[in-house]
Amino acid sequence: MPGCGATSPAARSTSTCDGWRVTGGGWRVTGDGWRVARSLYSILWRLAEETTMTTPHDRLESFGIYQLARQLFDDFWSDSEIAGKDYRGRELVRQQVRSLDSICANIGEGYGRGFGKEFPQHLRIARGEARESRGRCGRCQRLLPADIIAKRVSVLDQIIGGLTNTISTLEERK
């Protein structure tokens, strides 16, 4: 806390700044009804871990099929606003959101469980959800413009093909 008279943990002293009291080597901070019992080091370490976990250094984030699926899910938000205006399209939109989310969720869950026999199984489930989503896109032809449907079906075809290839590759390695 520069300018407030705070010292390093090694100094084991007490300093006050704007109603906050900083005490000794544990960097216990009290004031205004708040008590922070963790050391400054622990707080900074946790923040560093959280930042690291959300950066694209996670291998899942670099998996191309997962990136396509996430982008498709994000793109569907604008589609849902259009299709959801019609009362007949609201249920299709609800189901499509669940299905597109399930693609990402199953890829993520399988990836998180490691590269054993569970990963290909989760990819199969994701592929089934992608096929379901592709079929539903076709049924939305009266609700969405043809160019949007063609784009979404094309991306879903890429996802299905990529998942099929990945499953085959994983099973050949057994």
C-alpha atoms as a PDB file:
ATOM      1  CA  MET A   1       0.000   0.000   0.000  1.00  0.00           C
ATOM      2  CA  PRO A   2       2.324   2.749  -1.239  1.00  0.00           C
ATOM      3  CA  GLY A   3       1.935   6.123   0.389  1.00  0.00           C
ATOM      4  CA  CYS A   4      -0.024   4.701   3.327  1.00  0.00           C
ATOM      5  CA  GLY A   5       2.926   3.741   5.465  1.00  0.00           C
ATOM      6  CA  ALA A   6       2.495  -0.024   4.959  1.00  0.00           C
ATOM      7  CA  THR A   7       5.574  -2.149   5.317  1.00  0.00           C
ATOM      8  CA  SER A   8       6.651  -5.519   4.038  1.00  0.00           C
ATOM      9  CA  PRO A   9       5.658  -8.729   5.835  1.00  0.00           C
ATOM     10  CA  ALA A  10       9.214  -9.105   7.095  1.00  0.00           C
ATOM     11  CA  ALA A  11       8.954  -5.852   9.046  1.00  0.00           C
ATOM     12  CA  ARG A  12       6.136  -7.264  11.237  1.00  0.00           C
ATOM     13  CA  SER A  13       4.816  -3.828  12.105  1.00  0.00           C
ATOM     14  CA  THR A  14       1.440  -2.158  12.133  1.00  0.00           C
ATOM     15  CA  SER A  15       0.402   0.540   9.704  1.00  0.00           C
ATOM     16  CA  THR A  16      -2.841   2.478   9.229  1.00  0.00           C
ATOM     17  CA  CYS A  17      -4.257   3.950   6.027  1.00  0.00           C
ATOM     18  CA  ASP A  18      -7.760   5.330   5.380  1.00  0.00           C
ATOM     19  CA  GLY A  19      -9.328   3.403   8.263  1.00  0.00           C
ATOM     20  CA  TRP A  20      -7.577   0.148   7.373  1.00  0.00           C
ATOM     21  CA  ARG A  21      -5.115  -1.400   9.782  1.00  0.00           C
ATOM     22  CA  VAL A  22      -2.375  -3.591   8.375  1.00  0.00           C
ATOM     23  CA  THR A  23      -0.663  -5.802  10.929  1.00  0.00           C
ATOM     24  CA  GLY A  24       2.640  -7.615  10.802  1.00  0.00           C
ATOM     25  CA  GLY A  25       3.906 -10.589   8.840  1.00  0.00           C
ATOM     26  CA  GLY A  26       0.486 -12.059   8.033  1.00  0.00           C
ATOM     27  CA  TRP A  27      -0.720  -8.861   6.370  1.00  0.00           C
ATOM     28  CA  ARG A  28      -3.945  -9.077   8.332  1.00  0.00           C
ATOM     29  CA  VAL A  29      -6.130  -6.227   7.158  1.00  0.00           C
ATOM     30  CA  THR A  30      -9.020  -5.011   9.308  1.00  0.00           C
ATOM     31  CA  GLY A  31     -11.267  -2.000   9.043  1.00  0.00           C
ATOM     32  CA  ASP A  32     -14.783  -0.899   8.214  1.00  0.00           C
ATOM     33  CA  GLY A  33     -16.158  -4.218   9.450  1.00  0.00           C
ATOM     34  CA  TRP A  34     -14.036  -6.305   7.068  1.00  0.00           C
ATOM     35  CA  ARG A  35     -11.487  -8.865   8.230  1.00  0.00           C
ATOM     36  CA  VAL A  36      -9.179 -10.507   5.787  1.00  0.00           C
ATOM     37  CA  ALA A  37      -7.383 -13.389   7.416  1.00  0.00           C
ATOM     38  CA  ARG A  38      -5.333 -14.519   4.429  1.00  0.00           C
ATOM     39  CA  SER A  39      -1.840 -13.372   3.820  1.00  0.00           C
ATOM     40  CA  LEU A  40      -1.187 -11.021   0.939  1.00  0.00           C
ATOM     41  CA  TYR A  41       0.871 -13.744  -0.698  1.00  0.00           C
ATOM     42  CA  SER A  42      -2.095 -16.151  -0.656  1.00  0.00           C
ATOM     43  CA  ILE A  43      -4.403 -13.577  -2.193  1.00  0.00           C
ATOM     44  CA  LEU A  44      -1.954 -12.729  -4.955  1.00  0.00           C
ATOM     45  CA  TRP A  45      -1.274 -16.418  -5.604  1.00  0.00           C
ATOM     46  CA  ARG A  46      -5.002 -17.167  -5.938  1.00  0.00           C
ATOM     47  CA  LEU A  47      -5.472 -14.231  -8.319  1.00  0.00           C
ATOM     48  CA  ALA A  48      -2.554 -15.450 -10.409  1.00  0.00           C
ATOM     49  CA  GLU A  49      -4.051 -18.964 -10.556  1.00  0.00           C
ATOM     50  CA  GLU A  50      -7.488 -17.653 -11.562  1.00  0.00           C
ATOM     51  CA  THR A  51      -5.974 -15.491 -14.273  1.00  0.00           C
ATOM     52  CA  THR A  52      -3.919 -18.405 -15.558  1.00  0.00           C
ATOM     53  CA  MET A  53      -6.946 -20.719 -15.632  1.00  0.00           C
ATOM     54  CA  THR A  54      -8.962 -18.294 -17.758  1.00  0.00           C
ATOM     55  CA  THR A  55      -6.264 -17.568 -20.310  1.00  0.00           C
ATOM     56  CA  PRO A  56      -5.988 -19.496 -23.563  1.00  0.00           C
ATOM     57  CA  HIS A  57      -3.090 -21.498 -22.119  1.00  0.00           C
ATOM     58  CA  ASP A  58      -5.672 -24.147 -21.245  1.00  0.00           C
ATOM     59  CA  ARG A  59      -5.343 -26.840 -23.900  1.00  0.00           C
ATOM     60  CA  LEU A  60      -9.110 -27.125 -24.236  1.00  0.00           C
ATOM     61  CA  GLU A  61      -9.261 -23.522 -25.436  1.00  0.00           C
ATOM     62  CA  SER A  62      -6.847 -24.397 -28.238  1.00  0.00           C
ATOM     63  CA  PHE A  63      -8.941 -27.391 -29.407  1.00  0.00           C
ATOM     64  CA  GLY A  64     -10.347 -26.132 -32.723  1.00  0.00           C
ATOM     65  CA  ILE A  65     -13.639 -28.008 -32.542  1.00  0.00           C
ATOM     66  CA  TYR A  66     -14.317 -26.595 -29.086  1.00  0.00           C
ATOM     67  CA  GLN A  67     -13.584 -23.087 -30.365  1.00  0.00           C
ATOM     68  CA  LEU A  68     -16.035 -23.591 -33.250  1.00  0.00           C
ATOM     69  CA  ALA A  69     -18.710 -24.885 -30.882  1.00  0.00           C
ATOM     70  CA  ARG A  70     -18.300 -21.942 -28.505  1.00  0.00           C
ATOM     71  CA  GLN A  71     -18.412 -19.457 -31.360  1.00  0.00           C
ATOM     72  CA  LEU A  72     -21.540 -21.120 -32.745  1.00  0.00           C
ATOM     73  CA  PHE A  73     -23.182 -20.904 -29.327  1.00  0.00           C
ATOM     74  CA  ASP A  74     -22.318 -17.191 -29.135  1.00  0.00           C
ATOM     75  CA  ASP A  75     -23.573 -16.583 -32.685  1.00  0.00           C
ATOM     76  CA  PHE A  76     -26.884 -18.222 -31.886  1.00  0.00           C
ATOM     77  CA  TRP A  77     -27.698 -15.529 -29.314  1.00  0.00           C
ATOM     78  CA  SER A  78     -28.514 -13.062 -32.090  1.00  0.00           C
ATOM     79  CA  ASP A  79     -30.394 -15.797 -33.982  1.00  0.00           C
ATOM     80  CA  SER A  80     -32.488 -16.511 -30.897  1.00  0.00           C
ATOM     81  CA  GLU A  81     -33.649 -12.907 -30.730  1.00  0.00           C
ATOM     82  CA  ILE A  82     -34.994 -13.202 -34.271  1.00  0.00           C
ATOM     83  CA  ALA A  83     -36.530 -16.670 -33.979  1.00  0.00           C
ATOM     84  CA  GLY A  84     -37.863 -16.083 -30.474  1.00  0.00           C
ATOM     85  CA  LYS A  85     -40.174 -13.301 -31.650  1.00  0.00           C
ATOM     86  CA  ASP A  86     -42.544 -15.911 -33.068  1.00  0.00           C
ATOM     87  CA  TYR A  87     -44.337 -17.945 -30.414  1.00  0.00           C
ATOM     88  CA  ARG A  88     -43.731 -21.114 -32.454  1.00  0.00           C
ATOM     89  CA  GLY A  89     -40.011 -20.467 -32.497  1.00  0.00           C
ATOM     90  CA  ARG A  90     -39.574 -19.998 -28.739  1.00  0.00           C
ATOM     91  CA  GLU A  91     -39.515 -23.721 -27.992  1.00  0.00           C
ATOM     92  CA  LEU A  92     -37.122 -24.381 -30.871  1.00  0.00           C
ATOM     93  CA  VAL A  93     -34.858 -21.626 -29.540  1.00  0.00           C
ATOM     94  CA  ARG A  94     -34.915 -23.134 -26.022  1.00  0.00           C
ATOM     95  CA  GLN A  95     -34.027 -26.559 -27.347  1.00  0.00           C
ATOM     96  CA  GLN A  96     -31.332 -25.198 -29.654  1.00  0.00           C
ATOM     97  CA  VAL A  97     -29.680 -23.278 -26.814  1.00  0.00           C
ATOM     98  CA  ARG A  98     -29.605 -26.448 -24.694  1.00  0.00           C
ATOM     99  CA  SER A  99     -28.269 -28.529 -27.557  1.00  0.00           C
ATOM    100  CA  LEU A 100     -25.530 -26.059 -28.545  1.00  0.00           C
ATOM    101  CA  ASP A 101     -24.519 -25.666 -24.908  1.00  0.00           C
ATOM    102  CA  SER A 102     -24.403 -29.443 -24.546  1.00  0.00           C
ATOM    103  CA  ILE A 103     -21.896 -29.695 -27.404  1.00  0.00           C
ATOM    104  CA  CYS A 104     -19.480 -27.424 -25.539  1.00  0.00           C
ATOM    105  CA  ALA A 105     -20.233 -28.978 -22.163  1.00  0.00           C
ATOM    106  CA  ASN A 106     -19.597 -32.549 -23.319  1.00  0.00           C
ATOM    107  CA  ILE A 107     -16.364 -31.651 -25.068  1.00  0.00           C
ATOM    108  CA  GLY A 108     -15.237 -29.823 -21.929  1.00  0.00           C
ATOM    109  CA  GLU A 109     -16.258 -32.612 -19.567  1.00  0.00           C
ATOM    110  CA  GLY A 110     -14.601 -35.306 -21.658  1.00  0.00           C
ATOM    111  CA  TYR A 111     -11.457 -33.221 -21.975  1.00  0.00           C
ATOM    112  CA  GLY A 112     -11.414 -32.653 -18.236  1.00  0.00           C
ATOM    113  CA  ARG A 113     -11.668 -36.366 -17.499  1.00  0.00           C
ATOM    114  CA  GLY A 114      -8.514 -37.082 -19.465  1.00  0.00           C
ATOM    115  CA  PHE A 115      -7.751 -39.097 -22.532  1.00  0.00           C
ATOM    116  CA  GLY A 116      -9.021 -42.481 -21.406  1.00  0.00           C
ATOM    117  CA  LYS A 117     -12.093 -44.196 -22.779  1.00  0.00           C
ATOM    118  CA  GLU A 118     -14.401 -41.506 -21.349  1.00  0.00           C
ATOM    119  CA  PHE A 119     -13.120 -38.771 -23.672  1.00  0.00           C
ATOM    120  CA  PRO A 120     -14.280 -40.463 -26.909  1.00  0.00           C
ATOM    121  CA  GLN A 121     -17.624 -41.245 -25.259  1.00  0.00           C
ATOM    122  CA  HIS A 122     -18.190 -37.578 -24.394  1.00  0.00           C
ATOM    123  CA  LEU A 123     -17.170 -36.620 -27.918  1.00  0.00           C
ATOM    124  CA  ARG A 124     -19.793 -39.048 -29.271  1.00  0.00           C
ATOM    125  CA  ILE A 125     -22.422 -37.368 -27.122  1.00  0.00           C
ATOM    126  CA  ALA A 126     -21.274 -33.958 -28.361  1.00  0.00           C
ATOM    127  CA  ARG A 127     -21.469 -35.229 -31.945  1.00  0.00           C
ATOM    128  CA  GLY A 128     -25.038 -36.425 -31.341  1.00  0.00           C
ATOM    129  CA  GLU A 129     -25.952 -33.005 -29.974  1.00  0.00           C
ATOM    130  CA  ALA A 130     -24.368 -31.368 -33.025  1.00  0.00           C
ATOM    131  CA  ARG A 131     -26.458 -33.569 -35.316  1.00  0.00           C
ATOM    132  CA  GLU A 132     -29.547 -32.697 -33.322  1.00  0.00           C
ATOM    133  CA  SER A 133     -28.701 -28.994 -33.652  1.00  0.00           C
ATOM    134  CA  ARG A 134     -28.129 -29.340 -37.394  1.00  0.00           C
ATOM    135  CA  GLY A 135     -31.560 -30.907 -37.836  1.00  0.00           C
ATOM    136  CA  ARG A 136     -33.177 -28.191 -35.755  1.00  0.00           C
ATOM    137  CA  CYS A 137     -31.508 -25.511 -37.884  1.00  0.00           C
ATOM    138  CA  GLY A 138     -33.324 -26.948 -40.884  1.00  0.00           C
ATOM    139  CA  ARG A 139     -36.605 -26.785 -39.001  1.00  0.00           C
ATOM    140  CA  CYS A 140     -36.002 -23.083 -38.307  1.00  0.00           C
ATOM    141  CA  GLN A 141     -36.206 -22.210 -42.019  1.00  0.00           C
ATOM    142  CA  ARG A 142     -39.403 -20.199 -41.512  1.00  0.00           C
ATOM    143  CA  LEU A 143     -37.931 -18.313 -38.573  1.00  0.00           C
ATOM    144  CA  LEU A 144     -34.419 -17.374 -39.726  1.00  0.00           C
ATOM    145  CA  PRO A 145     -32.996 -16.070 -43.010  1.00  0.00           C
ATOM    146  CA  ALA A 146     -31.641 -18.751 -45.360  1.00  0.00           C
ATOM    147  CA  ASP A 147     -28.086 -17.356 -45.286  1.00  0.00           C
ATOM    148  CA  ILE A 148     -27.925 -17.630 -41.478  1.00  0.00           C
ATOM    149  CA  ILE A 149     -29.235 -21.187 -41.560  1.00  0.00           C
ATOM    150  CA  ALA A 150     -26.677 -22.120 -44.234  1.00  0.00           C
ATOM    151  CA  LYS A 151     -23.831 -20.650 -42.133  1.00  0.00           C
ATOM    152  CA  ARG A 152     -24.940 -22.462 -38.973  1.00  0.00           C
ATOM    153  CA  VAL A 153     -25.382 -25.790 -40.801  1.00  0.00           C
ATOM    154  CA  SER A 154     -21.931 -25.386 -42.372  1.00  0.00           C
ATOM    155  CA  VAL A 155     -20.313 -24.813 -38.965  1.00  0.00           C
ATOM    156  CA  LEU A 156     -22.221 -27.752 -37.483  1.00  0.00           C
ATOM    157  CA  ASP A 157     -20.982 -29.944 -40.370  1.00  0.00           C
ATOM    158  CA  GLN A 158     -17.410 -28.879 -39.527  1.00  0.00           C
ATOM    159  CA  ILE A 159     -17.979 -29.699 -35.855  1.00  0.00           C
ATOM    160  CA  ILE A 160     -19.492 -33.105 -36.678  1.00  0.00           C
ATOM    161  CA  GLY A 161     -16.633 -33.932 -39.061  1.00  0.00           C
ATOM    162  CA  GLY A 162     -14.005 -32.762 -36.596  1.00  0.00           C
ATOM    163  CA  LEU A 163     -15.515 -34.764 -33.758  1.00  0.00           C
ATOM    164  CA  THR A 164     -15.752 -37.855 -35.965  1.00  0.00           C
ATOM    165  CA  ASN A 165     -12.095 -37.522 -36.972  1.00  0.00           C
ATOM    166  CA  THR A 166     -11.004 -36.952 -33.369  1.00  0.00           C
ATOM    167  CA  ILE A 167     -12.956 -39.981 -32.148  1.00  0.00           C
ATOM    168  CA  SER A 168     -11.405 -42.147 -34.880  1.00  0.00           C
ATOM    169  CA  THR A 169      -7.904 -40.922 -34.049  1.00  0.00           C
ATOM    170  CA  LEU A 170      -8.373 -41.566 -30.330  1.00  0.00           C
ATOM    171  CA  GLU A 171      -9.713 -45.056 -30.938  1.00  0.00           C
ATOM    172  CA  GLU A 172      -6.870 -45.946 -33.318  1.00  0.00           C
ATOM    173  CA  ARG A 173      -4.380 -45.151 -30.548  1.00  0.00           C
ATOM    174  CA  LYS A 174      -5.818 -47.844 -28.264  1.00  0.00           C
END
